[in-house]
Amino acid sequence: MNARELYLLCTKENGLSDSQAAKLGRKEQSLLEKRGEKFFLKASERAKFSVVLTGGVFDVLHIGHALTLQEARKLGNILIVVVARDATVEKIKGKKPLHEAEYRRAMVSELKPVDLAIVGAEDKLATFARVSPDIVAFGYDQSPFPLPQNCKSVHLTQVKADASLAKTSRIIRELGL
């Protein structure tokens, strides 16, 4: 397993336990460092590739999502997608999503540009700590927000899809849901 694969595993698991790390070979173990109770990829290894983070609800996948993820993927070596928690969707949109977060995460994880999809933490900063992105890519219809230091923000305003095909709210309304 190389550093990239180890990073993805550590991010997926939100760190590796002692027993998980013990199952790895010596080479892989040499790439890890313990932080608190868990193991993560050493900073020197993590610095060898760039990670792009983007996120959204992804309740009804459409061409706008696909185009945004394609463009975000071009910004770095790894694309991590954060899928909004159900409670976050309800708070922001004022209604429950059609699909539960784990279902939406599973769907997004199957898209070609995506290296890993995770459900966001309750606290955004916890998600940033888990992923340690170099770049956060905001979709064309998203409002950028302040980011932790050492994290670059990119607003993908050049990605525009036909609104008749790429607005989840319009699709839901037309389906009568």
Foldseek 3Di string as FASTA:
>chain_A
DALVVQQQVCLQVVFAAPVRLVPDDPVSVVQWDDDPRGIHGDPVSVVVWAEEEEEDAQLDDFPLVLLQLVVSLVVIPAYEYEHEAQVVCCVVVVDGRPDGRVVSQVVVCPRDSHPHYYYADPDNVSSCVSNVGQEYEYELPDDDDDDDPNYHYHYVVVRDDDPCTPDPVNVCVVVVD
